C-alpha cells in the first residue's frame, strides 16, 4: 500500500501528522513531508486515519 499526497491541495492543517506521526510530519515551512510512502500492514491503520482526517482530501491510499 502507498500513501499519495496531492501537494497543491495540501493546506498544512497538520491533522494527518497528529493521526500518523510515524509516517509524516510538517516541516518548518508548514509543508507536509511523507517520511514513508510505502506502508506495510502494521502502519495501515495510521495511514487510513491520516487520509480520513484530512479536511481537504490531499491524501489517499493506493
Protein backbone atom coordinates (compact mmCIF):
# COMPACT_ATOMS: atom_id res chain seq x y z
CA UNK A 1 0.00 0.00 0.00
CA UNK A 2 1.19 3.52 -0.70
CA UNK A 3 0.27 6.99 0.62
CA UNK A 4 -0.19 9.51 -2.18
CA UNK A 5 -0.03 13.25 -1.43
CA UNK A 6 -1.70 15.82 -3.67
CA UNK A 7 0.76 18.57 -2.71
CA UNK A 8 -1.08 21.52 -4.34
CA UNK A 9 -4.23 20.58 -2.44
CA UNK A 10 -2.49 20.30 0.96
CA UNK A 11 -3.07 23.35 3.20
CA UNK A 12 -0.84 22.21 6.08
CA UNK A 13 -3.52 21.77 8.74
CA UNK A 14 -1.45 19.04 10.42
CA UNK A 15 -4.32 16.73 11.35
CA UNK A 16 -2.70 13.94 9.35
CA UNK A 17 0.53 14.42 11.27
CA UNK A 18 -1.37 14.00 14.54
CA UNK A 19 -3.02 10.84 13.24
CA UNK A 20 0.16 9.29 11.82
CA UNK A 21 3.27 10.91 13.34
CA UNK A 22 5.46 7.95 12.36
CA UNK A 23 4.55 8.33 8.70
CA UNK A 24 4.53 12.09 8.06
CA UNK A 25 5.33 15.49 9.52
CA UNK A 26 5.08 19.18 8.74
CA UNK A 27 8.42 20.82 8.05
CA UNK A 28 9.47 24.27 9.31
CA UNK A 29 7.64 25.90 6.40
CA UNK A 30 4.38 24.06 7.13
CA UNK A 31 4.77 21.71 4.16
CA UNK A 32 3.78 18.09 4.62
CA UNK A 33 6.64 15.61 4.28
CA UNK A 34 5.93 11.91 3.88
CA UNK A 35 8.54 10.04 5.88
CA UNK A 36 7.44 6.82 4.21
CA UNK A 37 5.29 6.42 1.14
CA UNK A 38 5.22 2.61 1.20
CA UNK A 39 3.03 1.39 4.04
CA UNK A 40 3.03 -2.10 5.49
CA UNK A 41 0.21 -3.82 7.33
CA UNK A 42 1.43 -2.56 10.70
CA UNK A 43 1.04 1.08 9.61
CA UNK A 44 -2.18 0.69 7.63
CA UNK A 45 -4.44 1.87 10.46
CA UNK A 46 -2.42 5.07 10.97
CA UNK A 47 -2.29 5.74 7.24
CA UNK A 48 -6.04 5.26 6.91
CA UNK A 49 -6.67 7.61 9.85
CA UNK A 50 -4.46 10.28 8.26
CA UNK A 51 -6.38 10.03 4.99
CA UNK A 52 -9.74 10.27 6.78
CA UNK A 53 -8.91 13.34 8.88
CA UNK A 54 -7.53 15.47 6.04
CA UNK A 55 -10.08 18.30 5.63
CA UNK A 56 -9.08 18.96 2.01
CA UNK A 57 -8.66 15.33 0.85
CA UNK A 58 -4.98 15.81 -0.03
CA UNK A 59 -4.08 12.24 0.91
CA UNK A 60 -5.19 8.92 -0.50
CA UNK A 61 -4.12 5.31 -0.29
CA UNK A 62 -3.36 3.25 -3.36
